[in-house]
Amino acid sequence: MKQPLQAAARELAAQAVESWLTMADGQRIFVRDWPLAAARGAVLIVHGLSEHSGRYGELAQWLRARGYAVRSYDQRGHGRTPGRRGALRHADDLLDDLAAIHRDHARALGHVPLVLGHSMGGVVVTRSVLDGRIAPGGVILSSPALRSWEPRWRRALARVLTRVMPNLPLRSGLSFSRVSHDRARVAAYRADPLRHGWITPRLADFIFRAGASSIADAARLRVPTLLLVAGSDALVDPSGSSDFSRAAAPAGQLTTRIFSMLYHELFNEAEPGRSQVLLQLADWLDRLTD
């Protein structure tokens, strides 16, 4: 009899080596490593809004089976990293954290890791690469939050509230039902004790601004990048990825794969969708290292 999905996810997360890194401002960040002796490379995973690194154990094991050591971490305001949920001290905190953790990972491994960003993590990765904060060997973007479904007035309100009440706790309003077609994975996400449903004006404004500016700056992309797009995404607007893809095309570094019927969490989708996504990822990784 198969283990319940939530218990299996906990077991995969528990297989990681746990540690803490302290950022320049004193913030402690919780880190998970899935090491691999004589690895062909490494991947640093940056999770999305309201979730945490422990949800990537299954993907980490898939990458390890293909020769990659894997690291992930709980971003500020998320998972086991301490602090107010969904809050930032400064607008660039998530970018600074990624730069510091990427440097530490590269030092530990002796070579530069690839970086995979999902949803909000995709925006953090994209903006960091375009700004030159990190120079990974390659980038994988999964349903990046380059554009929101939120109406213009809400985006404007977040900008105003950032000036007066930047860490006001607000419900994120993320839809459970449209995370994945796999009902068991949706139930596991809903029951996850480390998941939270909060966002603050400063974090929301960062996501909105970083997504828009990444699309505007896409032609500056100079790193081999795989963009995986969920065509039926109800959590982020996939038109942002389409616009980014068109703008980045002249640079010749971007490979885009659109899965028209799949939902937001491509690596947690129902079969055969999940396997189709992983097949595209495996093909891109093989071509990257040829």
Protein backbone atom coordinates (compact mmCIF):
# COMPACT_ATOMS: atom_id res chain seq x y z
CA MET A 1 0.00 0.00 0.00
CA LYS A 2 1.40 3.37 -0.99
CA GLN A 3 2.24 5.91 1.67
CA PRO A 4 -0.04 8.93 1.85
CA LEU A 5 1.47 11.65 -0.33
CA GLN A 6 2.03 14.03 2.56
CA ALA A 7 3.99 11.41 4.53
CA ALA A 8 6.06 10.57 1.45
CA ALA A 9 6.89 14.26 0.95
CA ARG A 10 7.98 14.55 4.59
CA GLU A 11 10.23 11.51 4.18
CA LEU A 12 11.90 12.98 1.07
CA ALA A 13 12.42 16.30 2.84
CA ALA A 14 13.88 14.47 5.85
CA GLN A 15 16.53 12.89 3.61
CA ALA A 16 18.05 16.34 3.13
CA VAL A 17 20.99 17.67 5.13
CA GLU A 18 19.66 20.61 7.13
CA SER A 19 21.65 23.71 7.98
CA TRP A 20 21.35 27.46 8.55
CA LEU A 21 22.95 30.42 6.81
CA THR A 22 23.05 33.92 8.30
CA MET A 23 22.59 36.84 5.91
CA ALA A 24 24.43 40.16 6.15
CA ASP A 25 21.55 41.76 8.08
CA GLY A 26 21.46 38.94 10.65
CA GLN A 27 18.49 37.05 9.17
CA ARG A 28 18.88 33.28 9.56
CA ILE A 29 17.84 31.22 6.53
CA PHE A 30 16.93 27.53 6.72
CA VAL A 31 18.70 25.43 4.06
CA ARG A 32 18.17 21.90 2.75
CA ASP A 33 20.86 20.05 0.78
CA TRP A 34 20.48 16.78 -1.10
CA PRO A 35 24.20 16.10 -1.72
CA LEU A 36 25.65 13.70 -4.26
CA ALA A 37 29.23 12.41 -4.45
CA ALA A 38 30.95 13.00 -7.79
CA ALA A 39 27.97 14.99 -9.09
CA ARG A 40 27.98 16.16 -12.72
CA GLY A 41 26.58 19.50 -11.56
CA ALA A 42 24.31 21.16 -9.04
CA VAL A 43 20.93 22.87 -8.89
CA LEU A 44 19.75 25.54 -6.44
CA ILE A 45 15.93 25.59 -6.13
CA VAL A 46 14.07 28.79 -5.18
CA HIS A 47 10.48 28.11 -4.07
CA GLY A 48 7.32 30.14 -4.58
CA LEU A 49 4.97 32.24 -2.47
CA SER A 50 3.51 30.64 0.69
CA GLU A 51 5.44 27.37 0.32
CA HIS A 52 8.89 26.11 1.33
CA SER A 53 11.92 24.05 0.33
CA GLY A 54 10.58 20.83 1.83
CA ARG A 55 8.05 20.55 -1.02
CA TYR A 56 10.88 19.93 -3.49
CA GLY A 57 12.19 16.63 -2.14
CA GLU A 58 10.71 14.62 -5.01
CA LEU A 59 12.19 16.94 -7.64
CA ALA A 60 15.51 16.91 -5.78
CA GLN A 61 15.63 13.10 -5.94
CA TRP A 62 14.78 13.19 -9.66
CA LEU A 63 17.69 15.59 -10.22
CA ARG A 64 20.04 13.51 -8.05
CA ALA A 65 19.21 10.45 -10.15
CA ARG A 66 20.50 12.43 -13.13
CA GLY A 67 23.73 13.38 -11.42
CA TYR A 68 22.94 16.71 -9.76
CA ALA A 69 23.52 17.75 -6.16
CA VAL A 70 20.58 19.87 -5.02
CA ARG A 71 20.10 22.70 -2.56
CA SER A 72 16.97 24.63 -1.64
CA TYR A 73 16.13 27.07 1.14
CA ASP A 74 13.15 28.65 2.86
CA GLN A 75 12.92 32.25 1.74
CA ARG A 76 12.27 35.02 4.26
CA GLY A 77 8.79 34.83 5.68
CA HIS A 78 8.43 31.21 4.61
CA GLY A 79 8.81 27.68 5.95
CA ARG A 80 11.22 27.21 8.83
CA THR A 81 13.04 30.50 8.27
CA PRO A 82 12.04 32.72 11.22
CA GLY A 83 10.21 36.01 10.84
CA ARG A 84 6.79 37.40 10.01
CA ARG A 85 5.05 35.38 7.30
CA GLY A 86 5.19 36.91 3.83
CA ALA A 87 7.15 39.95 5.04
CA LEU A 88 10.36 41.70 3.97
CA ARG A 89 12.52 44.28 5.72
CA HIS A 90 13.69 45.77 2.42
CA ALA A 91 12.41 45.44 -1.12
CA ASP A 92 15.55 43.64 -2.35
CA ASP A 93 15.87 41.16 0.54
CA LEU A 94 15.00 38.10 -1.55
CA LEU A 95 17.49 39.11 -4.25
CA ASP A 96 20.26 39.65 -1.70
CA ASP A 97 19.50 36.31 -0.06
CA LEU A 98 19.67 34.41 -3.35
CA ALA A 99 23.00 36.03 -4.23
CA ALA A 100 24.50 35.09 -0.86
CA ILE A 101 23.18 31.51 -0.92
CA HIS A 102 24.26 30.99 -4.54
CA ARG A 103 27.80 32.14 -3.65
CA ASP A 104 27.88 29.82 -0.64
CA HIS A 105 26.62 26.88 -2.71
CA ALA A 106 29.24 27.52 -5.42
CA ARG A 107 32.02 27.71 -2.81
CA ALA A 108 30.90 24.46 -1.19
CA LEU A 109 30.74 22.61 -4.52
CA GLY A 110 33.71 24.12 -6.29
CA HIS A 111 31.62 24.94 -9.37
CA VAL A 112 28.68 27.18 -10.28
CA PRO A 113 25.22 25.66 -9.78
CA LEU A 114 22.23 25.99 -12.07
CA VAL A 115 19.28 27.83 -10.54
CA LEU A 116 15.62 26.76 -10.71
CA GLY A 117 12.93 29.23 -9.68
CA HIS A 118 9.24 28.46 -9.34
CA SER A 119 6.50 31.13 -9.39
CA MET A 120 7.65 33.94 -7.05
CA GLY A 121 11.00 32.17 -6.96
CA GLY A 122 11.10 32.50 -10.75
CA VAL A 123 10.84 36.27 -10.45
CA VAL A 124 13.58 36.32 -7.79
CA VAL A 125 15.85 34.26 -10.06
CA THR A 126 15.08 36.22 -13.25
CA ARG A 127 15.61 39.62 -11.68
CA SER A 128 18.82 38.43 -9.99
CA VAL A 129 20.24 37.14 -13.28
CA LEU A 130 19.27 40.24 -15.28
CA ASP A 131 20.80 42.49 -12.59
CA GLY A 132 24.03 40.48 -12.59
CA ARG A 133 23.64 39.54 -8.92
CA ILE A 134 24.19 35.88 -9.83
CA ALA A 135 25.82 34.24 -12.85
CA PRO A 136 24.59 30.63 -12.85
CA GLY A 137 25.52 28.06 -15.45
CA GLY A 138 21.88 27.90 -16.49
CA VAL A 139 18.38 28.90 -15.36
CA ILE A 140 15.13 26.95 -15.16
CA LEU A 141 11.93 28.96 -14.71
CA SER A 142 8.76 27.11 -13.70
CA SER A 143 5.54 29.15 -13.99
CA PRO A 144 7.40 32.37 -13.09
CA ALA A 145 5.22 35.14 -11.63
CA LEU A 146 6.20 37.64 -14.32
CA ARG A 147 2.63 38.95 -14.51
CA SER A 148 -0.22 38.76 -12.03
CA TRP A 149 -3.93 38.27 -12.55
CA GLU A 150 -4.46 41.05 -9.98
CA PRO A 151 -6.24 44.13 -11.41
CA ARG A 152 -4.30 47.35 -11.89
CA TRP A 153 -5.95 49.06 -8.91
CA ARG A 154 -4.70 46.35 -6.54
CA ARG A 155 -1.20 46.64 -7.88
CA ALA A 156 -1.38 50.41 -7.37
CA LEU A 157 -2.74 49.90 -3.85
CA ALA A 158 0.20 47.63 -2.96
CA ARG A 159 2.57 50.37 -4.10
CA VAL A 160 0.82 52.94 -1.88
CA LEU A 161 0.59 50.64 1.14
CA THR A 162 4.28 49.81 0.81
CA ARG A 163 5.03 53.42 1.78
CA VAL A 164 2.74 53.54 4.83
CA MET A 165 2.09 49.95 6.03
CA PRO A 166 4.70 47.79 4.26
CA ASN A 167 4.25 44.70 6.43
CA LEU A 168 0.50 44.76 6.87
CA PRO A 169 -0.54 41.08 6.86
CA LEU A 170 -2.99 40.34 4.03
CA ARG A 171 -4.47 37.11 2.76
CA SER A 172 -2.69 36.00 -0.41
CA GLY A 173 -5.86 34.53 -1.92
CA LEU A 174 -4.00 31.74 -3.72
CA SER A 175 -6.35 29.13 -5.16
CA PHE A 176 -5.78 25.60 -3.89
CA SER A 177 -7.96 23.97 -6.52
CA ARG A 178 -5.90 25.25 -9.47
CA VAL A 179 -2.46 24.29 -8.14
CA SER A 180 -2.51 20.88 -9.84
CA HIS A 181 -4.88 18.42 -11.50
CA ASP A 182 -3.63 15.80 -9.02
CA ARG A 183 -6.15 15.88 -6.17
CA ALA A 184 -3.82 14.07 -3.78
CA ARG A 185 -1.12 16.71 -4.27
CA VAL A 186 -3.65 19.50 -3.79
CA ALA A 187 -4.81 17.89 -0.53
CA ALA A 188 -1.20 17.50 0.65
CA TYR A 189 -0.51 21.16 -0.10
CA ARG A 190 -3.64 22.25 1.74
CA ALA A 191 -2.67 20.18 4.81
CA ASP A 192 0.99 21.24 4.85
CA PRO A 193 1.69 22.80 8.28
CA LEU A 194 4.50 24.96 6.86
CA ARG A 195 2.32 26.45 4.16
CA HIS A 196 0.88 29.87 4.92
CA GLY A 197 -1.61 32.17 3.22
CA TRP A 198 -0.11 35.60 3.94
CA ILE A 199 1.47 38.34 1.89
CA THR A 200 2.40 41.92 2.75
CA PRO A 201 2.26 45.07 0.58
CA ARG A 202 6.06 45.24 0.34
CA LEU A 203 6.34 41.64 -0.89
CA ALA A 204 3.39 42.02 -3.29
CA ASP A 205 4.86 45.24 -4.71
CA PHE A 206 8.23 43.55 -5.15
CA ILE A 207 6.64 40.71 -7.14
CA PHE A 208 4.62 43.08 -9.33
CA ARG A 209 7.55 45.40 -10.06
CA ALA A 210 10.19 42.69 -10.49
CA GLY A 211 7.97 40.78 -12.91
CA ALA A 212 7.22 43.82 -15.07
CA SER A 213 10.84 44.97 -15.13
CA SER A 214 12.06 41.46 -16.00
CA ILE A 215 9.83 41.43 -19.08
CA ALA A 216 11.09 44.91 -20.02
CA ASP A 217 14.72 43.79 -19.61
CA ALA A 218 14.36 40.31 -21.16
CA ALA A 219 16.54 41.17 -24.16
CA ARG A 220 19.49 41.38 -21.73
CA LEU A 221 19.25 37.66 -20.92
CA ARG A 222 22.73 36.14 -21.38
CA VAL A 223 22.35 32.84 -19.52
CA PRO A 224 21.00 29.59 -21.05
CA THR A 225 17.43 29.45 -19.76
CA LEU A 226 14.55 26.97 -19.91
CA LEU A 227 11.13 28.58 -19.48
CA LEU A 228 8.35 26.14 -18.53
CA VAL A 229 4.90 27.70 -18.88
CA ALA A 230 1.59 26.40 -17.52
CA GLY A 231 -0.91 27.47 -20.17
CA SER A 232 -3.91 27.00 -17.83
CA ASP A 233 -2.28 28.77 -14.89
CA ALA A 234 -4.81 30.47 -12.59
CA LEU A 235 -2.23 31.69 -10.05
CA VAL A 236 -0.01 33.73 -12.36
CA ASP A 237 -0.87 35.15 -15.78
CA PRO A 238 1.02 33.05 -18.38
CA SER A 239 0.95 35.99 -20.81
CA GLY A 240 3.84 37.40 -18.78
CA SER A 241 5.95 34.37 -19.72
CA SER A 242 4.87 34.66 -23.36
CA ASP A 243 5.90 38.33 -23.47
CA PHE A 244 9.20 37.54 -21.75
CA SER A 245 9.85 34.78 -24.28
CA ARG A 246 9.26 37.09 -27.24
CA ALA A 247 11.42 39.86 -25.77
CA ALA A 248 14.27 37.47 -24.91
CA ALA A 249 14.29 35.69 -28.28
CA PRO A 250 16.92 37.91 -29.98
CA ALA A 251 19.48 37.01 -27.28
CA GLY A 252 19.29 33.36 -28.35
CA GLN A 253 19.54 31.98 -24.82
CA LEU A 254 15.92 31.04 -24.08
CA THR A 255 14.13 27.74 -24.69
CA THR A 256 10.38 27.98 -24.05
CA ARG A 257 8.04 25.05 -23.50
CA ILE A 258 4.31 25.73 -23.07
CA PHE A 259 2.00 23.09 -21.60
CA SER A 260 -1.38 24.43 -22.61
CA MET A 261 -3.58 22.27 -20.38
CA LEU A 262 -1.46 22.14 -17.23
CA TYR A 263 -1.88 24.06 -13.97
CA HIS A 264 0.59 26.15 -11.97
CA GLU A 265 2.74 23.51 -10.23
CA LEU A 266 4.18 21.78 -13.27
CA PHE A 267 6.45 19.48 -11.22
CA ASN A 268 3.44 18.38 -9.13
CA GLU A 269 0.98 17.87 -11.98
CA ALA A 270 -1.07 14.75 -12.63
CA GLU A 271 0.29 12.20 -15.09
CA PRO A 272 1.01 12.20 -17.93
CA GLY A 273 1.56 15.96 -17.62
CA ARG A 274 4.27 15.75 -14.98
CA SER A 275 6.30 13.26 -16.99
CA GLN A 276 6.01 15.46 -20.09
CA VAL A 277 7.42 18.40 -18.12
CA LEU A 278 10.28 16.31 -16.72
CA LEU A 279 11.05 14.95 -20.20
CA GLN A 280 11.53 18.52 -21.46
CA LEU A 281 13.68 19.37 -18.45
CA ALA A 282 15.83 16.25 -18.95
CA ASP A 283 16.30 17.04 -22.64
CA TRP A 284 17.36 20.63 -21.89
CA LEU A 285 19.78 19.52 -19.18
CA ASP A 286 21.37 16.99 -21.52
CA ARG A 287 21.79 19.59 -24.26
CA LEU A 288 23.22 22.09 -21.77
CA THR A 289 25.98 19.70 -20.75
CA ASP A 290 26.79 18.33 -24.24
